[in-house]
Amino acid sequence: MRDSFNEINITPLTDIFLVLLIIMMVIAPMLDQQGLNLAVPEVVDKQQVQQDPKIMNMFVTSDNKYFYDNQEVQAADLESLVAAHLKEYPDGMLIQVDDDSEHGAIVKLMDVARNAGMTSISLAR
């Protein structure tokens, strides 16, 4: 009579798992996580802004329009405006936003200010 097969040989399965483990251990240090370098904006009181005239005040409305000195500024002209007034405002920029303004419009203004050379940017509601 033929003997019945009662045991499963797990040696090949163990070999496969060990090879996969070694591959993962070799590859894991090579994976480099790329991320965004974000600086969290500072919180500034409106009273502090009114006492310090060396901060450039920009306003973003709920319909994503930009204002400087109560005059509307086109999105294409933002970088030239910031670059022209950079020396007048060494303490940075305060972006006042309406509650319904879009995040993209605010980020665009922040990017334009950074590209123009503004080093300190703050947000206010």
PDB file of N, CA and C in Angstrom:
ATOM      1  N   MET A   1       0.815  -1.183   0.000  1.00  0.00           N
ATOM      2  CA  MET A   1       0.000   0.000   0.000  1.00  0.00           C
ATOM      3  C   MET A   1       0.860   1.248   0.000  1.00  0.00           C
ATOM      4  N   ARG A   2       0.221   2.214  -0.449  1.00  0.00           N
ATOM      5  CA  ARG A   2       0.883   3.499  -0.587  1.00  0.00           C
ATOM      6  C   ARG A   2       0.659   4.319   0.679  1.00  0.00           C
ATOM      7  N   ASP A   3       1.764   4.956   1.158  1.00  0.00           N
ATOM      8  CA  ASP A   3       1.635   5.802   2.349  1.00  0.00           C
ATOM      9  C   ASP A   3       0.944   7.109   1.980  1.00  0.00           C
ATOM     10  N   SER A   4       0.127   7.541   2.841  1.00  0.00           N
ATOM     11  CA  SER A   4      -0.564   8.817   2.574  1.00  0.00           C
ATOM     12  C   SER A   4       0.360   9.994   2.904  1.00  0.00           C
ATOM     13  N   PHE A   5       0.156  11.059   2.191  1.00  0.00           N
ATOM     14  CA  PHE A   5       0.969  12.264   2.348  1.00  0.00           C
ATOM     15  C   PHE A   5       0.293  13.152   3.391  1.00  0.00           C
ATOM     16  N   ASN A   6       0.873  13.225   4.600  1.00  0.00           N
ATOM     17  CA  ASN A   6       0.249  13.946   5.707  1.00  0.00           C
ATOM     18  C   ASN A   6       0.917  15.278   6.020  1.00  0.00           C
ATOM     19  N   GLU A   7       2.093  15.533   5.555  1.00  0.00           N
ATOM     20  CA  GLU A   7       2.809  16.755   5.899  1.00  0.00           C
ATOM     21  C   GLU A   7       3.090  17.585   4.648  1.00  0.00           C
ATOM     22  N   ILE A   8       3.093  18.895   4.852  1.00  0.00           N
ATOM     23  CA  ILE A   8       3.423  19.815   3.762  1.00  0.00           C
ATOM     24  C   ILE A   8       4.842  20.313   3.989  1.00  0.00           C
ATOM     25  N   ASN A   9       5.643  20.262   2.965  1.00  0.00           N
ATOM     26  CA  ASN A   9       7.015  20.742   3.059  1.00  0.00           C
ATOM     27  C   ASN A   9       7.011  22.266   2.880  1.00  0.00           C
ATOM     28  N   ILE A  10       7.347  22.996   3.945  1.00  0.00           N
ATOM     29  CA  ILE A  10       7.303  24.465   3.876  1.00  0.00           C
ATOM     30  C   ILE A  10       8.680  25.078   3.624  1.00  0.00           C
ATOM     31  N   THR A  11       9.671  24.275   3.386  1.00  0.00           N
ATOM     32  CA  THR A  11      11.019  24.789   3.139  1.00  0.00           C
ATOM     33  C   THR A  11      11.077  25.692   1.896  1.00  0.00           C
ATOM     34  N   PRO A  12      10.486  25.322   0.754  1.00  0.00           N
ATOM     35  CA  PRO A  12      10.524  26.234  -0.402  1.00  0.00           C
ATOM     36  C   PRO A  12       9.766  27.547  -0.135  1.00  0.00           C
ATOM     37  N   LEU A  13       8.674  27.459   0.603  1.00  0.00           N
ATOM     38  CA  LEU A  13       7.923  28.668   0.944  1.00  0.00           C
ATOM     39  C   LEU A  13       8.746  29.595   1.828  1.00  0.00           C
ATOM     40  N   THR A  14       9.438  29.019   2.795  1.00  0.00           N
ATOM     41  CA  THR A  14      10.306  29.805   3.674  1.00  0.00           C
ATOM     42  C   THR A  14      11.440  30.436   2.877  1.00  0.00           C
ATOM     43  N   ASP A  15      12.010  29.720   1.946  1.00  0.00           N
ATOM     44  CA  ASP A  15      13.081  30.264   1.107  1.00  0.00           C
ATOM     45  C   ASP A  15      12.599  31.475   0.307  1.00  0.00           C
ATOM     46  N   ILE A  16      11.397  31.391  -0.227  1.00  0.00           N
ATOM     47  CA  ILE A  16      10.840  32.508  -1.005  1.00  0.00           C
ATOM     48  C   ILE A  16      10.631  33.731  -0.113  1.00  0.00           C
ATOM     49  N   PHE A  17      10.094  33.517   1.080  1.00  0.00           N
ATOM     50  CA  PHE A  17       9.877  34.640   1.996  1.00  0.00           C
ATOM     51  C   PHE A  17      11.185  35.284   2.431  1.00  0.00           C
ATOM     52  N   LEU A  18      12.197  34.485   2.672  1.00  0.00           N
ATOM     53  CA  LEU A  18      13.487  35.049   3.059  1.00  0.00           C
ATOM     54  C   LEU A  18      14.120  35.839   1.920  1.00  0.00           C
ATOM     55  N   VAL A  19      14.004  35.363   0.703  1.00  0.00           N
ATOM     56  CA  VAL A  19      14.529  36.102  -0.452  1.00  0.00           C
ATOM     57  C   VAL A  19      13.793  37.429  -0.606  1.00  0.00           C
ATOM     58  N   LEU A  20      12.462  37.415  -0.460  1.00  0.00           N
ATOM     59  CA  LEU A  20      11.692  38.661  -0.545  1.00  0.00           C
ATOM     60  C   LEU A  20      12.070  39.629   0.576  1.00  0.00           C
ATOM     61  N   LEU A  21      12.303  39.111   1.767  1.00  0.00           N
ATOM     62  CA  LEU A  21      12.710  39.950   2.892  1.00  0.00           C
ATOM     63  C   LEU A  21      14.057  40.612   2.620  1.00  0.00           C
ATOM     64  N   ILE A  22      14.992  39.853   2.092  1.00  0.00           N
ATOM     65  CA  ILE A  22      16.312  40.412   1.779  1.00  0.00           C
ATOM     66  C   ILE A  22      16.200  41.474   0.693  1.00  0.00           C
ATOM     67  N   ILE A  23      15.389  41.217  -0.326  1.00  0.00           N
ATOM     68  CA  ILE A  23      15.195  42.217  -1.394  1.00  0.00           C
ATOM     69  C   ILE A  23      14.618  43.506  -0.812  1.00  0.00           C
ATOM     70  N   MET A  24      13.622  43.386   0.049  1.00  0.00           N
ATOM     71  CA  MET A  24      13.015  44.584   0.648  1.00  0.00           C
ATOM     72  C   MET A  24      14.013  45.333   1.526  1.00  0.00           C
ATOM     73  N   MET A  25      14.863  44.589   2.261  1.00  0.00           N
ATOM     74  CA  MET A  25      15.849  45.241   3.121  1.00  0.00           C
ATOM     75  C   MET A  25      16.908  45.968   2.307  1.00  0.00           C
ATOM     76  N   VAL A  26      17.219  45.480   1.131  1.00  0.00           N
ATOM     77  CA  VAL A  26      18.210  46.141   0.277  1.00  0.00           C
ATOM     78  C   VAL A  26      17.604  47.361  -0.410  1.00  0.00           C
ATOM     79  N   ILE A  27      16.362  47.261  -0.850  1.00  0.00           N
ATOM     80  CA  ILE A  27      15.729  48.340  -1.611  1.00  0.00           C
ATOM     81  C   ILE A  27      15.228  49.474  -0.711  1.00  0.00           C
ATOM     82  N   ALA A  28      14.785  49.171   0.492  1.00  0.00           N
ATOM     83  CA  ALA A  28      14.174  50.177   1.370  1.00  0.00           C
ATOM     84  C   ALA A  28      15.056  51.412   1.610  1.00  0.00           C
ATOM     85  N   PRO A  29      16.354  51.274   1.891  1.00  0.00           N
ATOM     86  CA  PRO A  29      17.163  52.491   2.082  1.00  0.00           C
ATOM     87  C   PRO A  29      17.328  53.331   0.814  1.00  0.00           C
ATOM     88  N   MET A  30      17.132  52.713  -0.341  1.00  0.00           N
ATOM     89  CA  MET A  30      17.295  53.449  -1.599  1.00  0.00           C
ATOM     90  C   MET A  30      16.093  54.330  -1.918  1.00  0.00           C
ATOM     91  N   LEU A  31      14.965  54.042  -1.301  1.00  0.00           N
ATOM     92  CA  LEU A  31      13.773  54.848  -1.555  1.00  0.00           C
ATOM     93  C   LEU A  31      13.925  56.176  -0.840  1.00  0.00           C
ATOM     94  N   ASP A  32      13.894  57.236  -1.588  1.00  0.00           N
ATOM     95  CA  ASP A  32      14.045  58.575  -1.020  1.00  0.00           C
ATOM     96  C   ASP A  32      12.713  59.283  -1.143  1.00  0.00           C
ATOM     97  N   GLN A  33      12.153  59.657  -0.024  1.00  0.00           N
ATOM     98  CA  GLN A  33      10.863  60.332  -0.029  1.00  0.00           C
ATOM     99  C   GLN A  33      11.054  61.809  -0.355  1.00  0.00           C
ATOM    100  N   GLN A  34      10.419  62.241  -1.424  1.00  0.00           N
ATOM    101  CA  GLN A  34      10.449  63.650  -1.794  1.00  0.00           C
ATOM    102  C   GLN A  34       9.217  64.322  -1.217  1.00  0.00           C
ATOM    103  N   GLY A  35       9.372  65.487  -0.666  1.00  0.00           N
ATOM    104  CA  GLY A  35       8.239  66.198  -0.091  1.00  0.00           C
ATOM    105  C   GLY A  35       8.341  67.678  -0.372  1.00  0.00           C
ATOM    106  N   LEU A  36       7.360  68.393   0.055  1.00  0.00           N
ATOM    107  CA  LEU A  36       7.336  69.840  -0.104  1.00  0.00           C
ATOM    108  C   LEU A  36       7.978  70.499   1.103  1.00  0.00           C
ATOM    109  N   ASN A  37       8.774  71.508   0.854  1.00  0.00           N
ATOM    110  CA  ASN A  37       9.321  72.299   1.942  1.00  0.00           C
ATOM    111  C   ASN A  37       8.367  73.465   2.189  1.00  0.00           C
ATOM    112  N   LEU A  38       7.583  73.332   3.215  1.00  0.00           N
ATOM    113  CA  LEU A  38       6.594  74.361   3.518  1.00  0.00           C
ATOM    114  C   LEU A  38       6.965  75.083   4.796  1.00  0.00           C
ATOM    115  N   ALA A  39       6.811  76.368   4.757  1.00  0.00           N
ATOM    116  CA  ALA A  39       6.971  77.175   5.955  1.00  0.00           C
ATOM    117  C   ALA A  39       5.589  77.668   6.355  1.00  0.00           C
ATOM    118  N   VAL A  40       5.211  77.381   7.556  1.00  0.00           N
ATOM    119  CA  VAL A  40       3.893  77.777   8.028  1.00  0.00           C
ATOM    120  C   VAL A  40       3.873  79.291   8.213  1.00  0.00           C
ATOM    121  N   PRO A  41       2.869  79.969   7.659  1.00  0.00           N
ATOM    122  CA  PRO A  41       2.799  81.421   7.819  1.00  0.00           C
ATOM    123  C   PRO A  41       2.599  81.821   9.265  1.00  0.00           C
ATOM    124  N   GLU A  42       3.099  82.999   9.593  1.00  0.00           N
ATOM    125  CA  GLU A  42       2.965  83.519  10.951  1.00  0.00           C
ATOM    126  C   GLU A  42       1.583  84.108  11.160  1.00  0.00           C
ATOM    127  N   VAL A  43       1.123  84.086  12.404  1.00  0.00           N
ATOM    128  CA  VAL A  43      -0.143  84.710  12.766  1.00  0.00           C
ATOM    129  C   VAL A  43       0.166  86.096  13.311  1.00  0.00           C
ATOM    130  N   VAL A  44      -0.467  87.111  12.738  1.00  0.00           N
ATOM    131  CA  VAL A  44      -0.205  88.491  13.131  1.00  0.00           C
ATOM    132  C   VAL A  44      -1.528  89.160  13.478  1.00  0.00           C
ATOM    133  N   ASP A  45      -1.549  89.902  14.581  1.00  0.00           N
ATOM    134  CA  ASP A  45      -2.743  90.664  14.945  1.00  0.00           C
ATOM    135  C   ASP A  45      -2.853  91.899  14.069  1.00  0.00           C
ATOM    136  N   LYS A  46      -4.083  92.327  13.819  1.00  0.00           N
ATOM    137  CA  LYS A  46      -4.280  93.524  13.003  1.00  0.00           C
ATOM    138  C   LYS A  46      -3.726  94.761  13.697  1.00  0.00           C
ATOM    139  N   GLN A  47      -3.755  94.793  15.022  1.00  0.00           N
ATOM    140  CA  GLN A  47      -3.205  95.948  15.755  1.00  0.00           C
ATOM    141  C   GLN A  47      -1.705  96.051  15.525  1.00  0.00           C
ATOM    142  N   GLN A  48      -1.038  94.935  15.501  1.00  0.00           N
ATOM    143  CA  GLN A  48       0.402  94.927  15.267  1.00  0.00           C
ATOM    144  C   GLN A  48       0.730  95.421  13.859  1.00  0.00           C
ATOM    145  N   VAL A  49      -0.106  95.091  12.888  1.00  0.00           N
ATOM    146  CA  VAL A  49       0.109  95.508  11.512  1.00  0.00           C
ATOM    147  C   VAL A  49      -0.052  97.016  11.381  1.00  0.00           C
ATOM    148  N   GLN A  50      -1.031  97.575  12.048  1.00  0.00           N
ATOM    149  CA  GLN A  50      -1.279  99.010  11.947  1.00  0.00           C
ATOM    150  C   GLN A  50      -0.154  99.812  12.597  1.00  0.00           C
ATOM    151  N   GLN A  51       0.547  99.253  13.561  1.00  0.00           N
ATOM    152  CA  GLN A  51       1.645  99.966  14.214  1.00  0.00           C
ATOM    153  C   GLN A  51       2.924  99.913  13.379  1.00  0.00           C
ATOM    154  N   ASP A  52       3.041  98.941  12.497  1.00  0.00           N
ATOM    155  CA  ASP A  52       4.268  98.753  11.744  1.00  0.00           C
ATOM    156  C   ASP A  52       4.031  99.052  10.264  1.00  0.00           C
ATOM    157  N   PRO A  53       4.433 100.236   9.777  1.00  0.00           N
ATOM    158  CA  PRO A  53       4.154 100.600   8.386  1.00  0.00           C
ATOM    159  C   PRO A  53       5.103  99.976   7.363  1.00  0.00           C
ATOM    160  N   LYS A  54       6.056  99.162   7.785  1.00  0.00           N
ATOM    161  CA  LYS A  54       7.020  98.596   6.846  1.00  0.00           C
ATOM    162  C   LYS A  54       6.611  97.222   6.350  1.00  0.00           C
ATOM    163  N   ILE A  55       5.324  96.913   6.444  1.00  0.00           N
ATOM    164  CA  ILE A  55       4.807  95.648   5.949  1.00  0.00           C
ATOM    165  C   ILE A  55       3.883  95.937   4.769  1.00  0.00           C
ATOM    166  N   MET A  56       4.110  95.246   3.679  1.00  0.00           N
ATOM    167  CA  MET A  56       3.278  95.410   2.487  1.00  0.00           C
ATOM    168  C   MET A  56       1.953  94.691   2.704  1.00  0.00           C
ATOM    169  N   ASN A  57       0.841  95.402   2.570  1.00  0.00           N
ATOM    170  CA  ASN A  57      -0.488  94.830   2.772  1.00  0.00           C
ATOM    171  C   ASN A  57      -1.133  94.522   1.433  1.00  0.00           C
ATOM    172  N   MET A  58      -1.484  93.258   1.256  1.00  0.00           N
ATOM    173  CA  MET A  58      -2.227  92.816   0.074  1.00  0.00           C
ATOM    174  C   MET A  58      -3.542  92.223   0.557  1.00  0.00           C
ATOM    175  N   PHE A  59      -4.571  92.310  -0.277  1.00  0.00           N
ATOM    176  CA  PHE A  59      -5.876  91.779   0.085  1.00  0.00           C
ATOM    177  C   PHE A  59      -6.370  90.869  -1.034  1.00  0.00           C
ATOM    178  N   VAL A  60      -6.872  89.694  -0.663  1.00  0.00           N
ATOM    179  CA  VAL A  60      -7.446  88.752  -1.626  1.00  0.00           C
ATOM    180  C   VAL A  60      -8.935  88.656  -1.316  1.00  0.00           C
ATOM    181  N   THR A  61      -9.774  89.007  -2.300  1.00  0.00           N
ATOM    182  CA  THR A  61     -11.221  89.023  -2.085  1.00  0.00           C
ATOM    183  C   THR A  61     -11.823  87.638  -2.289  1.00  0.00           C
ATOM    184  N   SER A  62     -13.126  87.562  -2.029  1.00  0.00           N
ATOM    185  CA  SER A  62     -13.817  86.273  -2.170  1.00  0.00           C
ATOM    186  C   SER A  62     -13.909  85.824  -3.625  1.00  0.00           C
ATOM    187  N   ASP A  63     -13.834  86.767  -4.578  1.00  0.00           N
ATOM    188  CA  ASP A  63     -13.844  86.384  -5.997  1.00  0.00           C
ATOM    189  C   ASP A  63     -12.417  86.334  -6.572  1.00  0.00           C
ATOM    190  N   ASN A  64     -11.434  86.152  -5.671  1.00  0.00           N
ATOM    191  CA  ASN A  64     -10.026  85.932  -6.018  1.00  0.00           C
ATOM    192  C   ASN A  64      -9.401  87.079  -6.789  1.00  0.00           C
ATOM    193  N   LYS A  65      -9.723  88.293  -6.405  1.00  0.00           N
ATOM    194  CA  LYS A  65      -9.070  89.471  -6.969  1.00  0.00           C
ATOM    195  C   LYS A  65      -8.067  89.986  -5.939  1.00  0.00           C
ATOM    196  N   TYR A  66      -6.997  90.583  -6.449  1.00  0.00           N
ATOM    197  CA  TYR A  66      -5.924  91.070  -5.592  1.00  0.00           C
ATOM    198  C   TYR A  66      -5.997  92.591  -5.508  1.00  0.00           C
ATOM    199  N   PHE A  67      -5.796  93.134  -4.291  1.00  0.00           N
ATOM    200  CA  PHE A  67      -5.826  94.575  -4.093  1.00  0.00           C
ATOM    201  C   PHE A  67      -4.592  95.012  -3.315  1.00  0.00           C
ATOM    202  N   TYR A  68      -4.029  96.136  -3.761  1.00  0.00           N
ATOM    203  CA  TYR A  68      -2.926  96.789  -3.071  1.00  0.00           C
ATOM    204  C   TYR A  68      -3.241  98.276  -3.017  1.00  0.00           C
ATOM    205  N   ASP A  69      -3.256  98.863  -1.842  1.00  0.00           N
ATOM    206  CA  ASP A  69      -3.639 100.275  -1.642  1.00  0.00           C
ATOM    207  C   ASP A  69      -5.002 100.567  -2.252  1.00  0.00           C
ATOM    208  N   ASN A  70      -5.958  99.694  -2.009  1.00  0.00           N
ATOM    209  CA  ASN A  70      -7.341  99.816  -2.488  1.00  0.00           C
ATOM    210  C   ASN A  70      -7.453  99.887  -4.009  1.00  0.00           C
ATOM    211  N   GLN A  71      -6.445  99.421  -4.718  1.00  0.00           N
ATOM    212  CA  GLN A  71      -6.490  99.353  -6.178  1.00  0.00           C
ATOM    213  C   GLN A  71      -6.309  97.906  -6.600  1.00  0.00           C
ATOM    214  N   GLU A  72      -7.134  97.490  -7.553  1.00  0.00           N
ATOM    215  CA  GLU A  72      -7.060  96.110  -8.019  1.00  0.00           C
ATOM    216  C   GLU A  72      -5.789  95.903  -8.828  1.00  0.00           C
ATOM    217  N   VAL A  73      -5.163  94.753  -8.601  1.00  0.00           N
ATOM    218  CA  VAL A  73      -3.942  94.374  -9.309  1.00  0.00           C
ATOM    219  C   VAL A  73      -4.236  93.076 -10.068  1.00  0.00           C
ATOM    220  N   GLN A  74      -3.917  93.046 -11.345  1.00  0.00           N
ATOM    221  CA  GLN A  74      -4.112  91.842 -12.143  1.00  0.00           C
ATOM    222  C   GLN A  74      -3.101  90.774 -11.711  1.00  0.00           C
ATOM    223  N   ALA A  75      -3.472  89.523 -11.845  1.00  0.00           N
ATOM    224  CA  ALA A  75      -2.603  88.423 -11.427  1.00  0.00           C
ATOM    225  C   ALA A  75      -1.275  88.433 -12.183  1.00  0.00           C
ATOM    226  N   ALA A  76      -1.291  88.847 -13.434  1.00  0.00           N
ATOM    227  CA  ALA A  76      -0.069  88.881 -14.235  1.00  0.00           C
ATOM    228  C   ALA A  76       0.904  89.964 -13.759  1.00  0.00           C
ATOM    229  N   ASP A  77       0.386  90.997 -13.097  1.00  0.00           N
ATOM    230  CA  ASP A  77       1.212  92.119 -12.658  1.00  0.00           C
ATOM    231  C   ASP A  77       1.695  91.987 -11.215  1.00  0.00           C
ATOM    232  N   LEU A  78       1.349  90.907 -10.546  1.00  0.00           N
ATOM    233  CA  LEU A  78       1.680  90.770  -9.128  1.00  0.00           C
ATOM    234  C   LEU A  78       3.186  90.758  -8.885  1.00  0.00           C
ATOM    235  N   GLU A  79       3.921  89.986  -9.669  1.00  0.00           N
ATOM    236  CA  GLU A  79       5.357  89.859  -9.414  1.00  0.00           C
ATOM    237  C   GLU A  79       6.089  91.171  -9.637  1.00  0.00           C
ATOM    238  N   SER A  80       5.710  91.914 -10.670  1.00  0.00           N
ATOM    239  CA  SER A  80       6.368  93.210 -10.904  1.00  0.00           C
ATOM    240  C   SER A  80       6.012  94.210  -9.804  1.00  0.00           C
ATOM    241  N   LEU A  81       4.785  94.148  -9.293  1.00  0.00           N
ATOM    242  CA  LEU A  81       4.378  95.042  -8.201  1.00  0.00           C
ATOM    243  C   LEU A  81       5.170  94.743  -6.938  1.00  0.00           C
ATOM    244  N   VAL A  82       5.275  93.478  -6.598  1.00  0.00           N
ATOM    245  CA  VAL A  82       6.006  93.100  -5.387  1.00  0.00           C
ATOM    246  C   VAL A  82       7.487  93.433  -5.533  1.00  0.00           C
ATOM    247  N   ALA A  83       8.058  93.160  -6.690  1.00  0.00           N
ATOM    248  CA  ALA A  83       9.475  93.457  -6.915  1.00  0.00           C
ATOM    249  C   ALA A  83       9.745  94.957  -6.858  1.00  0.00           C
ATOM    250  N   ALA A  84       8.793  95.768  -7.353  1.00  0.00           N
ATOM    251  CA  ALA A  84       8.977  97.223  -7.337  1.00  0.00           C
ATOM    252  C   ALA A  84       8.927  97.792  -5.924  1.00  0.00           C
ATOM    253  N   HIS A  85       8.134  97.183  -5.056  1.00  0.00           N
ATOM    254  CA  HIS A  85       7.967  97.710  -3.692  1.00  0.00           C
ATOM    255  C   HIS A  85       8.753  96.914  -2.652  1.00  0.00           C
ATOM    256  N   LEU A  86       9.623  96.040  -3.081  1.00  0.00           N
ATOM    257  CA  LEU A  86      10.355  95.177  -2.157  1.00  0.00           C
ATOM    258  C   LEU A  86      11.243  95.972  -1.199  1.00  0.00           C
ATOM    259  N   LYS A  87      11.908  96.983  -1.690  1.00  0.00           N
ATOM    260  CA  LYS A  87      12.810  97.782  -0.848  1.00  0.00           C
ATOM    261  C   LYS A  87      12.043  98.645   0.158  1.00  0.00           C
ATOM    262  N   GLU A  88      10.814  99.035  -0.178  1.00  0.00           N
ATOM    263  CA  GLU A  88      10.020  99.870   0.721  1.00  0.00           C
ATOM    264  C   GLU A  88       9.496  99.092   1.929  1.00  0.00           C
ATOM    265  N   TYR A  89       9.365  97.788   1.780  1.00  0.00           N
ATOM    266  CA  TYR A  89       8.779  96.960   2.835  1.00  0.00           C
ATOM    267  C   TYR A  89       9.749  95.852   3.240  1.00  0.00           C
ATOM    268  N   PRO A  90      10.768  96.200   4.030  1.00  0.00           N
ATOM    269  CA  PRO A  90      11.769  95.183   4.405  1.00  0.00           C
ATOM    270  C   PRO A  90      11.241  94.145   5.398  1.00  0.00           C
ATOM    271  N   ASP A  91      10.137  94.452   6.084  1.00  0.00           N
ATOM    272  CA  ASP A  91       9.627  93.520   7.088  1.00  0.00           C
ATOM    273  C   ASP A  91       8.738  92.437   6.515  1.00  0.00           C
ATOM    274  N   GLY A  92       8.410  92.507   5.230  1.00  0.00           N
ATOM    275  CA  GLY A  92       7.651  91.431   4.605  1.00  0.00           C
ATOM    276  C   GLY A  92       6.289  91.854   4.109  1.00  0.00           C
ATOM    277  N   MET A  93       5.427  90.858   3.950  1.00  0.00           N
ATOM    278  CA  MET A  93       4.097  91.065   3.377  1.00  0.00           C
ATOM    279  C   MET A  93       3.045  90.453   4.286  1.00  0.00           C
ATOM    280  N   LEU A  94       1.930  91.156   4.410  1.00  0.00           N
ATOM    281  CA  LEU A  94       0.759  90.631   5.102  1.00  0.00           C
ATOM    282  C   LEU A  94      -0.331  90.438   4.060  1.00  0.00           C
ATOM    283  N   ILE A  95      -0.804  89.220   3.945  1.00  0.00           N
ATOM    284  CA  ILE A  95      -1.884  88.910   3.008  1.00  0.00           C
ATOM    285  C   ILE A  95      -3.164  88.806   3.813  1.00  0.00           C
ATOM    286  N   GLN A  96      -4.067  89.741   3.589  1.00  0.00           N
ATOM    287  CA  GLN A  96      -5.370  89.698   4.241  1.00  0.00           C
ATOM    288  C   GLN A  96      -6.330  89.020   3.280  1.00  0.00           C
ATOM    289  N   VAL A  97      -7.017  88.005   3.774  1.00  0.00           N
ATOM    290  CA  VAL A  97      -7.879  87.212   2.911  1.00  0.00           C
ATOM    291  C   VAL A  97      -9.316  87.276   3.387  1.00  0.00           C
ATOM    292  N   ASP A  98     -10.213  87.224   2.413  1.00  0.00           N
ATOM    293  CA  ASP A  98     -11.627  87.114   2.717  1.00  0.00           C
ATOM    294  C   ASP A  98     -11.917  85.660   3.088  1.00  0.00           C
ATOM    295  N   ASP A  99     -12.945  85.441   3.875  1.00  0.00           N
ATOM    296  CA  ASP A  99     -13.259  84.078   4.317  1.00  0.00           C
ATOM    297  C   ASP A  99     -13.575  83.140   3.159  1.00  0.00           C
ATOM    298  N   ASP A 100     -14.080  83.658   2.059  1.00  0.00           N
ATOM    299  CA  ASP A 100     -14.484  82.820   0.935  1.00  0.00           C
ATOM    300  C   ASP A 100     -13.463  82.776  -0.199  1.00  0.00           C
ATOM    301  N   SER A 101     -12.279  83.349  -0.003  1.00  0.00           N
ATOM    302  CA  SER A 101     -11.280  83.325  -1.068  1.00  0.00           C
ATOM    303  C   SER A 101     -10.702  81.919  -1.204  1.00  0.00           C
ATOM    304  N   GLU A 102     -10.292  81.587  -2.419  1.00  0.00           N
ATOM    305  CA  GLU A 102      -9.804  80.243  -2.701  1.00  0.00           C
ATOM    306  C   GLU A 102      -8.344  80.091  -2.283  1.00  0.00           C
ATOM    307  N   HIS A 103      -8.014  78.900  -1.882  1.00  0.00           N
ATOM    308  CA  HIS A 103      -6.669  78.583  -1.440  1.00  0.00           C
ATOM    309  C   HIS A 103      -5.651  78.807  -2.559  1.00  0.00           C
ATOM    310  N   GLY A 104      -6.033  78.472  -3.781  1.00  0.00           N
ATOM    311  CA  GLY A 104      -5.116  78.624  -4.909  1.00  0.00           C
ATOM    312  C   GLY A 104      -4.706  80.060  -5.156  1.00  0.00           C
ATOM    313  N   ALA A 105      -5.632  81.004  -4.969  1.00  0.00           N
ATOM    314  CA  ALA A 105      -5.317  82.419  -5.169  1.00  0.00           C
ATOM    315  C   ALA A 105      -4.333  82.911  -4.111  1.00  0.00           C
ATOM    316  N   ILE A 106      -4.497  82.434  -2.894  1.00  0.00           N
ATOM    317  CA  ILE A 106      -3.603  82.840  -1.805  1.00  0.00           C
ATOM    318  C   ILE A 106      -2.210  82.251  -2.022  1.00  0.00           C
ATOM    319  N   VAL A 107      -2.156  80.986  -2.400  1.00  0.00           N
ATOM    320  CA  VAL A 107      -0.870  80.335  -2.639  1.00  0.00           C
ATOM    321  C   VAL A 107      -0.156  80.985  -3.813  1.00  0.00           C
ATOM    322  N   LYS A 108      -0.909  81.382  -4.827  1.00  0.00           N
ATOM    323  CA  LYS A 108      -0.295  82.056  -5.982  1.00  0.00           C
ATOM    324  C   LYS A 108       0.377  83.353  -5.540  1.00  0.00           C
ATOM    325  N   LEU A 109      -0.312  84.137  -4.702  1.00  0.00           N
ATOM    326  CA  LEU A 109       0.265  85.383  -4.206  1.00  0.00           C
ATOM    327  C   LEU A 109       1.496  85.106  -3.346  1.00  0.00           C
ATOM    328  N   MET A 110       1.440  84.069  -2.532  1.00  0.00           N
ATOM    329  CA  MET A 110       2.602  83.715  -1.710  1.00  0.00           C
ATOM    330  C   MET A 110       3.786  83.294  -2.584  1.00  0.00           C
ATOM    331  N   ASP A 111       3.525  82.516  -3.624  1.00  0.00           N
ATOM    332  CA  ASP A 111       4.592  82.091  -4.534  1.00  0.00           C
ATOM    333  C   ASP A 111       5.199  83.266  -5.273  1.00  0.00           C
ATOM    334  N   VAL A 112       4.349  84.181  -5.730  1.00  0.00           N
ATOM    335  CA  VAL A 112       4.835  85.370  -6.438  1.00  0.00           C
ATOM    336  C   VAL A 112       5.715  86.198  -5.518  1.00  0.00           C
ATOM    337  N   ALA A 113       5.290  86.351  -4.264  1.00  0.00           N
ATOM    338  CA  ALA A 113       6.073  87.142  -3.306  1.00  0.00           C
ATOM    339  C   ALA A 113       7.424  86.476  -3.036  1.00  0.00           C
ATOM    340  N   ARG A 114       7.431  85.171  -2.869  1.00  0.00           N
ATOM    341  CA  ARG A 114       8.695  84.451  -2.640  1.00  0.00           C
ATOM    342  C   ARG A 114       9.617  84.570  -3.857  1.00  0.00           C
ATOM    343  N   ASN A 115       9.065  84.440  -5.054  1.00  0.00           N
ATOM    344  CA  ASN A 115       9.873  84.544  -6.272  1.00  0.00           C
ATOM    345  C   ASN A 115      10.430  85.944  -6.460  1.00  0.00           C
ATOM    346  N   ALA A 116       9.710  86.950  -5.993  1.00  0.00           N
ATOM    347  CA  ALA A 116      10.183  88.328  -6.126  1.00  0.00           C
ATOM    348  C   ALA A 116      11.247  88.671  -5.089  1.00  0.00           C
ATOM    349  N   GLY A 117      11.384  87.832  -4.057  1.00  0.00           N
ATOM    350  CA  GLY A 117      12.411  88.071  -3.048  1.00  0.00           C
ATOM    351  C   GLY A 117      11.890  88.419  -1.677  1.00  0.00           C
ATOM    352  N   MET A 118      10.590  88.337  -1.462  1.00  0.00           N
ATOM    353  CA  MET A 118      10.010  88.628  -0.153  1.00  0.00           C
ATOM    354  C   MET A 118      10.352  87.472   0.788  1.00  0.00           C
ATOM    355  N   THR A 119      10.909  87.787   1.955  1.00  0.00           N
ATOM    356  CA  THR A 119      11.375  86.723   2.854  1.00  0.00           C
ATOM    357  C   THR A 119      10.378  86.388   3.951  1.00  0.00           C
ATOM    358  N   SER A 120       9.512  87.318   4.302  1.00  0.00           N
ATOM    359  CA  SER A 120       8.567  87.080   5.386  1.00  0.00           C
ATOM    360  C   SER A 120       7.155  87.332   4.882  1.00  0.00           C
ATOM    361  N   ILE A 121       6.307  86.312   4.978  1.00  0.00           N
ATOM    362  CA  ILE A 121       4.925  86.416   4.513  1.00  0.00           C
ATOM    363  C   ILE A 121       3.992  85.962   5.633  1.00  0.00           C
ATOM    364  N   SER A 122       2.985  86.765   5.936  1.00  0.00           N
ATOM    365  CA  SER A 122       2.023  86.427   6.975  1.00  0.00           C
ATOM    366  C   SER A 122       0.619  86.496   6.417  1.00  0.00           C
ATOM    367  N   LEU A 123      -0.311  85.770   7.062  1.00  0.00           N
ATOM    368  CA  LEU A 123      -1.711  85.743   6.652  1.00  0.00           C
ATOM    369  C   LEU A 123      -2.590  86.305   7.757  1.00  0.00           C
ATOM    370  N   ALA A 124      -3.678  86.971   7.352  1.00  0.00           N
ATOM    371  CA  ALA A 124      -4.676  87.469   8.309  1.00  0.00           C
ATOM    372  C   ALA A 124      -6.038  87.340   7.694  1.00  0.00           C
ATOM    373  N   ARG A 125      -7.045  87.164   8.540  1.00  0.00           N
ATOM    374  CA  ARG A 125      -8.429  87.116   8.055  1.00  0.00           C
ATOM    375  C   ARG A 125      -9.105  88.417   8.331  1.00  0.00           C
TER     376      ARG A 125
END
